[in-house]
PDB file of N, CA and C in Angstrom:
ATOM      1  N   UNK A   1      14.023 -13.327   4.424  1.00  0.00           N
ATOM      2  CA  UNK A   1      12.835 -12.879   5.109  1.00  0.00           C
ATOM      3  C   UNK A   1      13.193 -11.704   5.997  1.00  0.00           C
ATOM      4  N   UNK A   2      12.351 -10.679   5.959  1.00  0.00           N
ATOM      5  CA  UNK A   2      12.655  -9.433   6.648  1.00  0.00           C
ATOM      6  C   UNK A   2      12.352  -9.474   8.141  1.00  0.00           C
ATOM      7  N   UNK A   3      11.433 -10.307   8.569  1.00  0.00           N
ATOM      8  CA  UNK A   3      11.049 -10.334   9.969  1.00  0.00           C
ATOM      9  C   UNK A   3       9.969  -9.322  10.314  1.00  0.00           C
ATOM     10  N   UNK A   4       9.568  -8.482   9.360  1.00  0.00           N
ATOM     11  CA  UNK A   4       8.517  -7.498   9.569  1.00  0.00           C
ATOM     12  C   UNK A   4       7.179  -8.088   9.159  1.00  0.00           C
ATOM     13  N   UNK A   5       6.119  -7.650   9.828  1.00  0.00           N
ATOM     14  CA  UNK A   5       4.762  -8.037   9.451  1.00  0.00           C
ATOM     15  C   UNK A   5       4.161  -6.946   8.578  1.00  0.00           C
ATOM     16  N   UNK A   6       3.544  -7.356   7.477  1.00  0.00           N
ATOM     17  CA  UNK A   6       2.916  -6.426   6.551  1.00  0.00           C
ATOM     18  C   UNK A   6       1.426  -6.719   6.471  1.00  0.00           C
ATOM     19  N   UNK A   7       0.622  -5.661   6.257  1.00  0.00           N
ATOM     20  CA  UNK A   7      -0.818  -5.797   6.061  1.00  0.00           C
ATOM     21  C   UNK A   7      -1.174  -5.358   4.653  1.00  0.00           C
ATOM     22  N   UNK A   8      -2.063  -6.092   4.034  1.00  0.00           N
ATOM     23  CA  UNK A   8      -2.561  -5.754   2.706  1.00  0.00           C
ATOM     24  C   UNK A   8      -3.499  -4.561   2.842  1.00  0.00           C
ATOM     25  N   UNK A   9      -3.294  -3.537   2.011  1.00  0.00           N
ATOM     26  CA  UNK A   9      -4.152  -2.354   2.091  1.00  0.00           C
ATOM     27  C   UNK A   9      -4.946  -2.102   0.820  1.00  0.00           C
ATOM     28  N   UNK A  10      -4.764  -2.927  -0.196  1.00  0.00           N
ATOM     29  CA  UNK A  10      -5.584  -2.773  -1.382  1.00  0.00           C
ATOM     30  C   UNK A  10      -4.876  -3.148  -2.659  1.00  0.00           C
ATOM     31  N   UNK A  11      -5.669  -3.179  -3.719  1.00  0.00           N
ATOM     32  CA  UNK A  11      -5.158  -3.524  -5.039  1.00  0.00           C
ATOM     33  C   UNK A  11      -5.184  -2.269  -5.901  1.00  0.00           C
ATOM     34  N   UNK A  12      -4.130  -2.058  -6.661  1.00  0.00           N
ATOM     35  CA  UNK A  12      -3.972  -0.872  -7.483  1.00  0.00           C
ATOM     36  C   UNK A  12      -3.664  -1.285  -8.916  1.00  0.00           C
ATOM     37  N   UNK A  13      -3.896  -0.364  -9.833  1.00  0.00           N
ATOM     38  CA  UNK A  13      -3.677  -0.641 -11.240  1.00  0.00           C
ATOM     39  C   UNK A  13      -2.216  -0.695 -11.641  1.00  0.00           C
ATOM     40  N   UNK A  14      -1.342  -0.081 -10.834  1.00  0.00           N
ATOM     41  CA  UNK A  14       0.085  -0.057 -11.172  1.00  0.00           C
ATOM     42  C   UNK A  14       0.919   0.197  -9.923  1.00  0.00           C
ATOM     43  N   UNK A  15       2.216  -0.037 -10.046  1.00  0.00           N
ATOM     44  CA  UNK A  15       3.134   0.274  -8.946  1.00  0.00           C
ATOM     45  C   UNK A  15       3.058   1.756  -8.606  1.00  0.00           C
ATOM     46  N   UNK A  16       3.014   2.597  -9.640  1.00  0.00           N
ATOM     47  CA  UNK A  16       2.982   4.042  -9.414  1.00  0.00           C
ATOM     48  C   UNK A  16       1.736   4.450  -8.630  1.00  0.00           C
ATOM     49  N   UNK A  17       0.579   3.894  -8.974  1.00  0.00           N
ATOM     50  CA  UNK A  17      -0.654   4.218  -8.248  1.00  0.00           C
ATOM     51  C   UNK A  17      -0.534   3.811  -6.779  1.00  0.00           C
ATOM     52  N   UNK A  18       0.050   2.657  -6.512  1.00  0.00           N
ATOM     53  CA  UNK A  18       0.239   2.186  -5.134  1.00  0.00           C
ATOM     54  C   UNK A  18       1.215   3.089  -4.387  1.00  0.00           C
ATOM     55  N   UNK A  19       2.311   3.451  -5.044  1.00  0.00           N
ATOM     56  CA  UNK A  19       3.304   4.318  -4.416  1.00  0.00           C
ATOM     57  C   UNK A  19       2.730   5.708  -4.168  1.00  0.00           C
ATOM     58  N   UNK A  20       1.922   6.211  -5.103  1.00  0.00           N
ATOM     59  CA  UNK A  20       1.286   7.518  -4.914  1.00  0.00           C
ATOM     60  C   UNK A  20       0.339   7.498  -3.720  1.00  0.00           C
ATOM     61  N   UNK A  21      -0.419   6.405  -3.554  1.00  0.00           N
ATOM     62  CA  UNK A  21      -1.308   6.262  -2.403  1.00  0.00           C
ATOM     63  C   UNK A  21      -0.497   6.327  -1.104  1.00  0.00           C
ATOM     64  N   UNK A  22       0.600   5.581  -1.050  1.00  0.00           N
ATOM     65  CA  UNK A  22       1.444   5.576   0.147  1.00  0.00           C
ATOM     66  C   UNK A  22       1.998   6.975   0.411  1.00  0.00           C
ATOM     67  N   UNK A  23       2.420   7.640  -0.641  1.00  0.00           N
ATOM     68  CA  UNK A  23       2.972   8.987  -0.502  1.00  0.00           C
ATOM     69  C   UNK A  23       1.925   9.954   0.041  1.00  0.00           C
ATOM     70  N   UNK A  24       0.680   9.879  -0.472  1.00  0.00           N
ATOM     71  CA  UNK A  24      -0.402  10.745   0.016  1.00  0.00           C
ATOM     72  C   UNK A  24      -0.667  10.532   1.499  1.00  0.00           C
ATOM     73  N   UNK A  25      -0.356   9.338   1.979  1.00  0.00           N
ATOM     74  CA  UNK A  25      -0.598   9.000   3.377  1.00  0.00           C
ATOM     75  C   UNK A  25       0.665   9.076   4.230  1.00  0.00           C
ATOM     76  N   UNK A  26       1.689   9.711   3.687  1.00  0.00           N
ATOM     77  CA  UNK A  26       2.948   9.923   4.411  1.00  0.00           C
ATOM     78  C   UNK A  26       3.569   8.630   4.941  1.00  0.00           C
ATOM     79  N   UNK A  27       3.464   7.571   4.125  1.00  0.00           N
ATOM     80  CA  UNK A  27       4.088   6.305   4.480  1.00  0.00           C
ATOM     81  C   UNK A  27       5.475   6.278   3.849  1.00  0.00           C
ATOM     82  N   UNK A  28       6.474   5.989   4.643  1.00  0.00           N
ATOM     83  CA  UNK A  28       7.852   5.920   4.160  1.00  0.00           C
ATOM     84  C   UNK A  28       7.962   4.836   3.088  1.00  0.00           C
ATOM     85  N   UNK A  29       8.590   5.133   1.956  1.00  0.00           N
ATOM     86  CA  UNK A  29       8.727   4.137   0.886  1.00  0.00           C
ATOM     87  C   UNK A  29       9.393   2.839   1.342  1.00  0.00           C
ATOM     88  N   UNK A  30      10.192   2.903   2.393  1.00  0.00           N
ATOM     89  CA  UNK A  30      10.843   1.692   2.914  1.00  0.00           C
ATOM     90  C   UNK A  30       9.856   0.791   3.642  1.00  0.00           C
ATOM     91  N   UNK A  31       8.664   1.313   3.946  1.00  0.00           N
ATOM     92  CA  UNK A  31       7.649   0.558   4.686  1.00  0.00           C
ATOM     93  C   UNK A  31       6.588  -0.063   3.796  1.00  0.00           C
ATOM     94  N   UNK A  32       6.801  -0.026   2.478  1.00  0.00           N
ATOM     95  CA  UNK A  32       5.822  -0.611   1.571  1.00  0.00           C
ATOM     96  C   UNK A  32       6.450  -1.704   0.721  1.00  0.00           C
ATOM     97  N   UNK A  33       5.598  -2.567   0.228  1.00  0.00           N
ATOM     98  CA  UNK A  33       6.020  -3.527  -0.792  1.00  0.00           C
ATOM     99  C   UNK A  33       4.808  -3.822  -1.666  1.00  0.00           C
ATOM    100  N   UNK A  34       5.087  -4.112  -2.931  1.00  0.00           N
ATOM    101  CA  UNK A  34       4.019  -4.422  -3.867  1.00  0.00           C
ATOM    102  C   UNK A  34       4.248  -5.816  -4.426  1.00  0.00           C
ATOM    103  N   UNK A  35       3.143  -6.438  -4.804  1.00  0.00           N
ATOM    104  CA  UNK A  35       3.187  -7.765  -5.411  1.00  0.00           C
ATOM    105  C   UNK A  35       2.365  -7.727  -6.688  1.00  0.00           C
ATOM    106  N   UNK A  36       2.965  -8.169  -7.786  1.00  0.00           N
ATOM    107  CA  UNK A  36       2.249  -8.240  -9.054  1.00  0.00           C
ATOM    108  C   UNK A  36       1.125  -9.266  -8.956  1.00  0.00           C
ATOM    109  N   UNK A  37      -0.052  -8.864  -9.456  1.00  0.00           N
ATOM    110  CA  UNK A  37      -1.222  -9.739  -9.420  1.00  0.00           C
ATOM    111  C   UNK A  37      -1.920  -9.778 -10.775  1.00  0.00           C
ATOM    112  N   UNK A  38      -1.170  -9.916 -11.835  1.00  0.00           N
ATOM    113  CA  UNK A  38      -1.747 -10.049 -13.168  1.00  0.00           C
ATOM    114  C   UNK A  38      -2.323  -8.768 -13.725  1.00  0.00           C
ATOM    115  N   UNK A  39      -3.462  -8.334 -13.195  1.00  0.00           N
ATOM    116  CA  UNK A  39      -4.109  -7.134 -13.703  1.00  0.00           C
ATOM    117  C   UNK A  39      -3.807  -5.905 -12.848  1.00  0.00           C
ATOM    118  N   UNK A  40      -2.827  -5.984 -11.997  1.00  0.00           N
ATOM    119  CA  UNK A  40      -2.451  -4.869 -11.138  1.00  0.00           C
ATOM    120  C   UNK A  40      -1.455  -5.308 -10.088  1.00  0.00           C
ATOM    121  N   UNK A  41      -1.408  -4.565  -9.005  1.00  0.00           N
ATOM    122  CA  UNK A  41      -0.505  -4.893  -7.907  1.00  0.00           C
ATOM    123  C   UNK A  41      -1.259  -4.791  -6.586  1.00  0.00           C
ATOM    124  N   UNK A  42      -0.817  -5.562  -5.613  1.00  0.00           N
ATOM    125  CA  UNK A  42      -1.329  -5.444  -4.255  1.00  0.00           C
ATOM    126  C   UNK A  42      -0.296  -4.681  -3.443  1.00  0.00           C
ATOM    127  N   UNK A  43      -0.773  -3.731  -2.672  1.00  0.00           N
ATOM    128  CA  UNK A  43       0.089  -2.928  -1.814  1.00  0.00           C
ATOM    129  C   UNK A  43       0.025  -3.463  -0.396  1.00  0.00           C
ATOM    130  N   UNK A  44       1.191  -3.630   0.197  1.00  0.00           N
ATOM    131  CA  UNK A  44       1.286  -4.020   1.602  1.00  0.00           C
ATOM    132  C   UNK A  44       2.122  -2.973   2.317  1.00  0.00           C
ATOM    133  N   UNK A  45       1.692  -2.624   3.529  1.00  0.00           N
ATOM    134  CA  UNK A  45       2.409  -1.654   4.345  1.00  0.00           C
ATOM    135  C   UNK A  45       2.800  -2.312   5.652  1.00  0.00           C
ATOM    136  N   UNK A  46       4.025  -2.026   6.065  1.00  0.00           N
ATOM    137  CA  UNK A  46       4.534  -2.612   7.311  1.00  0.00           C
ATOM    138  C   UNK A  46       3.595  -2.244   8.455  1.00  0.00           C
ATOM    139  N   UNK A  47       3.187  -3.238   9.211  1.00  0.00           N
ATOM    140  CA  UNK A  47       2.177  -3.097  10.257  1.00  0.00           C
ATOM    141  C   UNK A  47       2.516  -1.984  11.247  1.00  0.00           C
ATOM    142  N   UNK A  48       3.756  -1.872  11.657  1.00  0.00           N
ATOM    143  CA  UNK A  48       4.098  -0.836  12.633  1.00  0.00           C
ATOM    144  C   UNK A  48       3.925   0.565  12.058  1.00  0.00           C
ATOM    145  N   UNK A  49       3.929   0.710  10.740  1.00  0.00           N
ATOM    146  CA  UNK A  49       3.671   2.007  10.111  1.00  0.00           C
ATOM    147  C   UNK A  49       2.187   2.322  10.065  1.00  0.00           C
ATOM    148  N   UNK A  50       1.349   1.310  10.164  1.00  0.00           N
ATOM    149  CA  UNK A  50      -0.098   1.505  10.113  1.00  0.00           C
ATOM    150  C   UNK A  50      -0.699   1.828  11.463  1.00  0.00           C
ATOM    151  N   UNK A  51       0.007   1.520  12.543  1.00  0.00           N
ATOM    152  CA  UNK A  51      -0.521   1.741  13.885  1.00  0.00           C
ATOM    153  C   UNK A  51      -1.004   3.176  14.053  1.00  0.00           C
ATOM    154  N   UNK A  52      -2.250   3.318  14.470  1.00  0.00           N
ATOM    155  CA  UNK A  52      -2.866   4.618  14.762  1.00  0.00           C
ATOM    156  C   UNK A  52      -2.902   5.541  13.551  1.00  0.00           C
ATOM    157  N   UNK A  53      -2.859   4.988  12.345  1.00  0.00           N
ATOM    158  CA  UNK A  53      -2.881   5.819  11.138  1.00  0.00           C
ATOM    159  C   UNK A  53      -4.222   5.619  10.438  1.00  0.00           C
ATOM    160  N   UNK A  54      -4.873   6.695  10.140  1.00  0.00           N
ATOM    161  CA  UNK A  54      -6.095   6.635   9.355  1.00  0.00           C
ATOM    162  C   UNK A  54      -5.737   6.894   7.898  1.00  0.00           C
ATOM    163  N   UNK A  55      -5.703   5.847   7.088  1.00  0.00           N
ATOM    164  CA  UNK A  55      -5.318   6.012   5.696  1.00  0.00           C
ATOM    165  C   UNK A  55      -6.388   6.776   4.936  1.00  0.00           C
ATOM    166  N   UNK A  56      -5.926   7.717   4.110  1.00  0.00           N
ATOM    167  CA  UNK A  56      -6.822   8.516   3.289  1.00  0.00           C
ATOM    168  C   UNK A  56      -6.585   8.151   1.835  1.00  0.00           C
ATOM    169  N   UNK A  57      -7.634   8.245   1.035  1.00  0.00           N
ATOM    170  CA  UNK A  57      -7.482   7.932  -0.373  1.00  0.00           C
ATOM    171  C   UNK A  57      -8.375   8.825  -1.197  1.00  0.00           C
ATOM    172  N   UNK A  58      -7.850   9.280  -2.309  1.00  0.00           N
ATOM    173  CA  UNK A  58      -8.655  10.087  -3.215  1.00  0.00           C
ATOM    174  C   UNK A  58      -9.513   9.203  -4.100  1.00  0.00           C
ATOM    175  N   UNK A  59      -9.289   7.900  -4.047  1.00  0.00           N
ATOM    176  CA  UNK A  59     -10.017   6.970  -4.892  1.00  0.00           C
ATOM    177  C   UNK A  59      -9.310   6.686  -6.202  1.00  0.00           C
ATOM    178  N   UNK A  60      -8.241   7.410  -6.476  1.00  0.00           N
ATOM    179  CA  UNK A  60      -7.513   7.211  -7.714  1.00  0.00           C
ATOM    180  C   UNK A  60      -6.636   5.975  -7.618  1.00  0.00           C
ATOM    181  N   UNK A  61      -6.832   5.076  -8.538  1.00  0.00           N
ATOM    182  CA  UNK A  61      -5.928   3.938  -8.625  1.00  0.00           C
ATOM    183  C   UNK A  61      -6.344   2.721  -7.847  1.00  0.00           C
ATOM    184  N   UNK A  62      -6.929   2.880  -6.669  1.00  0.00           N
ATOM    185  CA  UNK A  62      -7.230   1.711  -5.855  1.00  0.00           C
ATOM    186  C   UNK A  62      -8.432   0.983  -6.414  1.00  0.00           C
ATOM    187  N   UNK A  63      -8.315  -0.327  -6.523  1.00  0.00           N
ATOM    188  CA  UNK A  63      -9.394  -1.133  -7.077  1.00  0.00           C
ATOM    189  C   UNK A  63     -10.230  -1.810  -6.006  1.00  0.00           C
ATOM    190  N   UNK A  64      -9.649  -2.066  -4.871  1.00  0.00           N
ATOM    191  CA  UNK A  64     -10.410  -2.600  -3.740  1.00  0.00           C
ATOM    192  C   UNK A  64      -9.762  -2.096  -2.470  1.00  0.00           C
ATOM    193  N   UNK A  65     -10.348  -2.379  -1.340  1.00  0.00           N
ATOM    194  CA  UNK A  65      -9.873  -1.718  -0.135  1.00  0.00           C
ATOM    195  C   UNK A  65      -9.390  -2.623   0.956  1.00  0.00           C
ATOM    196  N   UNK A  66      -9.021  -1.996   1.999  1.00  0.00           N
ATOM    197  CA  UNK A  66      -8.493  -2.694   3.151  1.00  0.00           C
ATOM    198  C   UNK A  66      -9.592  -3.082   4.085  1.00  0.00           C
TER     199      UNK A  66
END
């Protein structure tokens, strides 16, 4: 267990779509984790990385939101 708190930020069609979303929002790759959910993946971002951050999305890849 890492000891970090993560928040769910949405469901994506693939790992790449989730990673691209994080990259567009300047989230360090070390601050994300994905979980396979059958028809896609759920993206979680470390809570301290989300503080005071307004996440932006082009709408590509994300299936539901935060």
